[in-house]
Amino acid sequence: MKQLAIIWHSMTGGSEALAQAAYDGARRVQGTDVRMLHAAEAGPEHMLSADGYLFLFPENLAAISGGMKSFFDRCYYPCLGALNGRPYAMIVCAGSDGRNAVAQAERIATGWRLRQILPTVIVCTHAQTQAAILAAKIIDVAQLSAAAEMGDQIATGLQMGIY
């Protein structure tokens, strides 16, 4: 059975809601083991045992969130050279832009020699004030549905051997 690891970090709930939607979508696919792992709990063993990945995290200060960066730091060298060609996709929850966090994460994925199978999705919350940035994020239904579809698509591709 193919395994999909959905690895996420969230500060104010937006990335967590997107990860849950992706998980729910992926779980609809029979024959794929889907694991939803908080970045603080995920380690090299999870990366090495999975056949594909979906990374979800917020952009903080124009960078990968600290919790997700810690995950990448812990896993990078133990997994280097062992993940070549495995498929991945990403969703970044950002207040305005998200492109720098995407660029950072894509460089990490390139170092691991992962294969990007879907364009990275940036979900913009338009949080620009201190109060809005710190507030719990509510992700709209269309974006949650798109995350569910992404989870379903990745799980289906793994199960069918496309990825």
C-alpha atoms as a PDB file:
ATOM      1  CA  MET A   1       0.000   0.000   0.000  1.00  0.00           C
ATOM      2  CA  LYS A   2       1.341   3.427  -0.942  1.00  0.00           C
ATOM      3  CA  GLN A   3       1.742   5.996   1.831  1.00  0.00           C
ATOM      4  CA  LEU A   4       1.100   9.738   1.611  1.00  0.00           C
ATOM      5  CA  ALA A   5       2.545  11.929   4.370  1.00  0.00           C
ATOM      6  CA  ILE A   6       0.750  15.223   4.919  1.00  0.00           C
ATOM      7  CA  ILE A   7       3.147  17.274   7.024  1.00  0.00           C
ATOM      8  CA  TRP A   8       1.858  20.574   8.362  1.00  0.00           C
ATOM      9  CA  HIS A   9       2.552  23.456  10.689  1.00  0.00           C
ATOM     10  CA  SER A  10       0.118  26.177  11.681  1.00  0.00           C
ATOM     11  CA  MET A  11       0.278  29.246  13.884  1.00  0.00           C
ATOM     12  CA  THR A  12      -3.284  30.545  13.639  1.00  0.00           C
ATOM     13  CA  GLY A  13      -5.240  27.634  12.180  1.00  0.00           C
ATOM     14  CA  GLY A  14      -5.224  28.376   8.455  1.00  0.00           C
ATOM     15  CA  SER A  15      -2.639  25.795   7.452  1.00  0.00           C
ATOM     16  CA  GLU A  16      -4.144  23.278   9.852  1.00  0.00           C
ATOM     17  CA  ALA A  17      -7.587  23.667   8.248  1.00  0.00           C
ATOM     18  CA  LEU A  18      -6.056  23.225   4.790  1.00  0.00           C
ATOM     19  CA  ALA A  19      -4.114  20.154   5.968  1.00  0.00           C
ATOM     20  CA  GLN A  20      -7.272  18.627   7.426  1.00  0.00           C
ATOM     21  CA  ALA A  21      -9.161  19.245   4.176  1.00  0.00           C
ATOM     22  CA  ALA A  22      -6.330  17.648   2.160  1.00  0.00           C
ATOM     23  CA  TYR A  23      -6.291  14.700   4.553  1.00  0.00           C
ATOM     24  CA  ASP A  24     -10.042  14.248   4.236  1.00  0.00           C
ATOM     25  CA  GLY A  25      -9.746  14.321   0.438  1.00  0.00           C
ATOM     26  CA  ALA A  26      -6.861  11.856   0.395  1.00  0.00           C
ATOM     27  CA  ARG A  27      -8.679   9.471   2.748  1.00  0.00           C
ATOM     28  CA  ARG A  28     -11.424   9.044   0.144  1.00  0.00           C
ATOM     29  CA  VAL A  29      -8.950   7.057  -1.960  1.00  0.00           C
ATOM     30  CA  GLN A  30      -8.949   3.327  -1.237  1.00  0.00           C
ATOM     31  CA  GLY A  31      -5.579   1.623  -1.162  1.00  0.00           C
ATOM     32  CA  THR A  32      -3.529   4.581   0.100  1.00  0.00           C
ATOM     33  CA  ASP A  33      -2.298   4.960   3.654  1.00  0.00           C
ATOM     34  CA  VAL A  34      -2.603   8.657   4.527  1.00  0.00           C
ATOM     35  CA  ARG A  35      -0.728  10.074   7.510  1.00  0.00           C
ATOM     36  CA  MET A  36      -1.346  13.596   8.793  1.00  0.00           C
ATOM     37  CA  LEU A  37       1.668  14.665  10.843  1.00  0.00           C
ATOM     38  CA  HIS A  38       2.300  17.901  12.702  1.00  0.00           C
ATOM     39  CA  ALA A  39       5.761  19.201  11.786  1.00  0.00           C
ATOM     40  CA  ALA A  40       6.877  18.992  15.429  1.00  0.00           C
ATOM     41  CA  GLU A  41       6.106  15.258  15.484  1.00  0.00           C
ATOM     42  CA  ALA A  42       7.329  14.327  12.004  1.00  0.00           C
ATOM     43  CA  GLY A  43      10.857  13.070  11.561  1.00  0.00           C
ATOM     44  CA  PRO A  44      13.177  11.395   9.085  1.00  0.00           C
ATOM     45  CA  GLU A  45      11.506   8.031   9.674  1.00  0.00           C
ATOM     46  CA  HIS A  46       8.211   9.448   8.382  1.00  0.00           C
ATOM     47  CA  MET A  47       9.867  10.915   5.314  1.00  0.00           C
ATOM     48  CA  LEU A  48      11.695   7.677   4.551  1.00  0.00           C
ATOM     49  CA  SER A  49       8.591   5.491   4.944  1.00  0.00           C
ATOM     50  CA  ALA A  50       6.300   7.648   2.775  1.00  0.00           C
ATOM     51  CA  ASP A  51       5.941   7.374  -0.990  1.00  0.00           C
ATOM     52  CA  GLY A  52       4.770  10.975  -1.461  1.00  0.00           C
ATOM     53  CA  TYR A  53       4.356  14.213   0.452  1.00  0.00           C
ATOM     54  CA  LEU A  54       2.100  17.203   0.861  1.00  0.00           C
ATOM     55  CA  PHE A  55       3.646  20.042   2.858  1.00  0.00           C
ATOM     56  CA  LEU A  56       1.379  22.744   4.338  1.00  0.00           C
ATOM     57  CA  PHE A  57       2.614  25.692   6.345  1.00  0.00           C
ATOM     58  CA  PRO A  58       2.245  29.427   6.865  1.00  0.00           C
ATOM     59  CA  GLU A  59       4.579  32.092   5.675  1.00  0.00           C
ATOM     60  CA  ASN A  60       5.950  34.101   8.591  1.00  0.00           C
ATOM     61  CA  LEU A  61       8.001  37.244   8.015  1.00  0.00           C
ATOM     62  CA  ALA A  62       8.430  36.348   4.321  1.00  0.00           C
ATOM     63  CA  ALA A  63       9.834  32.903   5.176  1.00  0.00           C
ATOM     64  CA  ILE A  64       8.878  29.324   6.006  1.00  0.00           C
ATOM     65  CA  SER A  65       7.279  29.255   9.465  1.00  0.00           C
ATOM     66  CA  GLY A  66       9.714  28.362  12.244  1.00  0.00           C
ATOM     67  CA  GLY A  67       7.983  25.083  13.101  1.00  0.00           C
ATOM     68  CA  MET A  68       8.121  23.881   9.501  1.00  0.00           C
ATOM     69  CA  LYS A  69      11.696  25.081   9.110  1.00  0.00           C
ATOM     70  CA  SER A  70      12.618  23.060  12.207  1.00  0.00           C
ATOM     71  CA  PHE A  71      11.079  19.966  10.569  1.00  0.00           C
ATOM     72  CA  PHE A  72      13.089  20.543   7.390  1.00  0.00           C
ATOM     73  CA  ASP A  73      16.250  21.127   9.447  1.00  0.00           C
ATOM     74  CA  ARG A  74      15.789  17.878  11.424  1.00  0.00           C
ATOM     75  CA  CYS A  75      15.065  15.805   8.345  1.00  0.00           C
ATOM     76  CA  TYR A  76      17.250  17.270   5.619  1.00  0.00           C
ATOM     77  CA  TYR A  77      20.556  15.470   6.138  1.00  0.00           C
ATOM     78  CA  PRO A  78      19.151  12.133   7.395  1.00  0.00           C
ATOM     79  CA  CYS A  79      17.020  11.956   4.221  1.00  0.00           C
ATOM     80  CA  LEU A  80      19.533  13.368   1.739  1.00  0.00           C
ATOM     81  CA  GLY A  81      19.986  10.970  -1.161  1.00  0.00           C
ATOM     82  CA  ALA A  82      17.163   8.677  -0.018  1.00  0.00           C
ATOM     83  CA  LEU A  83      14.081  10.453  -1.404  1.00  0.00           C
ATOM     84  CA  ASN A  84      15.126  10.940  -5.016  1.00  0.00           C
ATOM     85  CA  GLY A  85      12.172  11.134  -7.410  1.00  0.00           C
ATOM     86  CA  ARG A  86       9.419  10.904  -4.806  1.00  0.00           C
ATOM     87  CA  PRO A  87       6.448  13.190  -5.533  1.00  0.00           C
ATOM     88  CA  TYR A  88       5.472  16.228  -3.508  1.00  0.00           C
ATOM     89  CA  ALA A  89       3.180  19.243  -3.517  1.00  0.00           C
ATOM     90  CA  MET A  90       2.778  22.260  -1.219  1.00  0.00           C
ATOM     91  CA  ILE A  91       0.180  24.653   0.096  1.00  0.00           C
ATOM     92  CA  VAL A  92       1.367  27.865   1.776  1.00  0.00           C
ATOM     93  CA  CYS A  93      -0.967  30.052   3.818  1.00  0.00           C
ATOM     94  CA  ALA A  94       0.224  33.660   3.584  1.00  0.00           C
ATOM     95  CA  GLY A  95      -0.955  37.073   4.665  1.00  0.00           C
ATOM     96  CA  SER A  96      -0.025  38.792   1.447  1.00  0.00           C
ATOM     97  CA  ASP A  97       2.533  37.132  -0.799  1.00  0.00           C
ATOM     98  CA  GLY A  98       3.988  33.745   0.113  1.00  0.00           C
ATOM     99  CA  ARG A  99       6.459  33.542  -2.768  1.00  0.00           C
ATOM    100  CA  ASN A 100       9.614  33.688  -0.647  1.00  0.00           C
ATOM    101  CA  ALA A 101       8.435  30.845   1.607  1.00  0.00           C
ATOM    102  CA  VAL A 102       7.583  28.839  -1.507  1.00  0.00           C
ATOM    103  CA  ALA A 103      11.035  29.512  -2.985  1.00  0.00           C
ATOM    104  CA  GLN A 104      12.723  28.394   0.244  1.00  0.00           C
ATOM    105  CA  ALA A 105      10.715  25.165   0.481  1.00  0.00           C
ATOM    106  CA  GLU A 106      11.150  24.389  -3.209  1.00  0.00           C
ATOM    107  CA  ARG A 107      14.937  24.696  -2.792  1.00  0.00           C
ATOM    108  CA  ILE A 108      14.791  22.175   0.046  1.00  0.00           C
ATOM    109  CA  ALA A 109      12.691  19.829  -2.114  1.00  0.00           C
ATOM    110  CA  THR A 110      15.193  20.257  -4.958  1.00  0.00           C
ATOM    111  CA  GLY A 111      18.044  19.313  -2.614  1.00  0.00           C
ATOM    112  CA  TRP A 112      16.143  16.157  -1.686  1.00  0.00           C
ATOM    113  CA  ARG A 113      15.566  15.546  -5.418  1.00  0.00           C
ATOM    114  CA  LEU A 114      11.808  15.385  -4.871  1.00  0.00           C
ATOM    115  CA  ARG A 115       9.586  15.672  -7.935  1.00  0.00           C
ATOM    116  CA  GLN A 116       6.965  18.428  -7.824  1.00  0.00           C
ATOM    117  CA  ILE A 117       3.730  16.987  -9.179  1.00  0.00           C
ATOM    118  CA  LEU A 118       1.377  19.955  -8.777  1.00  0.00           C
ATOM    119  CA  PRO A 119       1.935  23.706  -8.757  1.00  0.00           C
ATOM    120  CA  THR A 120       2.306  25.129  -5.270  1.00  0.00           C
ATOM    121  CA  VAL A 121      -0.864  26.779  -4.010  1.00  0.00           C
ATOM    122  CA  ILE A 122      -0.635  30.017  -2.037  1.00  0.00           C
ATOM    123  CA  VAL A 123      -3.735  30.760   0.019  1.00  0.00           C
ATOM    124  CA  CYS A 124      -3.755  34.472   0.795  1.00  0.00           C
ATOM    125  CA  THR A 125      -5.559  35.569   3.956  1.00  0.00           C
ATOM    126  CA  HIS A 126      -4.847  39.295   3.379  1.00  0.00           C
ATOM    127  CA  ALA A 127      -3.843  39.654   7.037  1.00  0.00           C
ATOM    128  CA  GLN A 128      -1.877  42.903   7.209  1.00  0.00           C
ATOM    129  CA  THR A 129      -2.429  44.379  10.650  1.00  0.00           C
ATOM    130  CA  GLN A 130      -1.086  43.005  13.909  1.00  0.00           C
ATOM    131  CA  ALA A 131      -4.583  42.017  15.010  1.00  0.00           C
ATOM    132  CA  ALA A 132      -5.360  40.296  11.683  1.00  0.00           C
ATOM    133  CA  ILE A 133      -2.004  38.503  11.584  1.00  0.00           C
ATOM    134  CA  LEU A 134      -2.457  37.117  15.113  1.00  0.00           C
ATOM    135  CA  ALA A 135      -6.155  36.254  14.686  1.00  0.00           C
ATOM    136  CA  ALA A 136      -7.413  32.745  14.025  1.00  0.00           C
ATOM    137  CA  LYS A 137      -7.683  32.213  10.276  1.00  0.00           C
ATOM    138  CA  ILE A 138     -10.887  31.154   8.581  1.00  0.00           C
ATOM    139  CA  ILE A 139     -10.264  29.556   5.191  1.00  0.00           C
ATOM    140  CA  ASP A 140     -13.132  29.819   2.735  1.00  0.00           C
ATOM    141  CA  VAL A 141     -14.970  26.768   1.459  1.00  0.00           C
ATOM    142  CA  ALA A 142     -13.578  27.024  -2.092  1.00  0.00           C
ATOM    143  CA  GLN A 143      -9.988  26.941  -0.834  1.00  0.00           C
ATOM    144  CA  LEU A 144     -10.745  24.048   1.514  1.00  0.00           C
ATOM    145  CA  SER A 145     -12.376  22.171  -1.371  1.00  0.00           C
ATOM    146  CA  ALA A 146      -9.313  22.797  -3.534  1.00  0.00           C
ATOM    147  CA  ALA A 147      -7.075  21.414  -0.761  1.00  0.00           C
ATOM    148  CA  ALA A 148      -9.311  18.333  -0.504  1.00  0.00           C
ATOM    149  CA  GLU A 149      -9.051  17.847  -4.262  1.00  0.00           C
ATOM    150  CA  MET A 150      -5.267  18.157  -4.066  1.00  0.00           C
ATOM    151  CA  GLY A 151      -5.158  15.479  -1.362  1.00  0.00           C
ATOM    152  CA  ASP A 152      -7.427  13.233  -3.423  1.00  0.00           C
ATOM    153  CA  GLN A 153      -5.352  13.769  -6.572  1.00  0.00           C
ATOM    154  CA  ILE A 154      -2.040  12.959  -4.888  1.00  0.00           C
ATOM    155  CA  ALA A 155      -3.444   9.867  -3.153  1.00  0.00           C
ATOM    156  CA  THR A 156      -5.057   8.660  -6.386  1.00  0.00           C
ATOM    157  CA  GLY A 157      -1.822   9.165  -8.323  1.00  0.00           C
ATOM    158  CA  LEU A 158       0.141   7.234  -5.701  1.00  0.00           C
ATOM    159  CA  GLN A 159      -2.412   4.426  -5.624  1.00  0.00           C
ATOM    160  CA  MET A 160      -2.445   4.142  -9.432  1.00  0.00           C
ATOM    161  CA  GLY A 161       1.339   4.270  -9.699  1.00  0.00           C
ATOM    162  CA  ILE A 162       1.287   7.510 -11.739  1.00  0.00           C
ATOM    163  CA  TYR A 163       3.561   9.201  -9.245  1.00  0.00           C
END
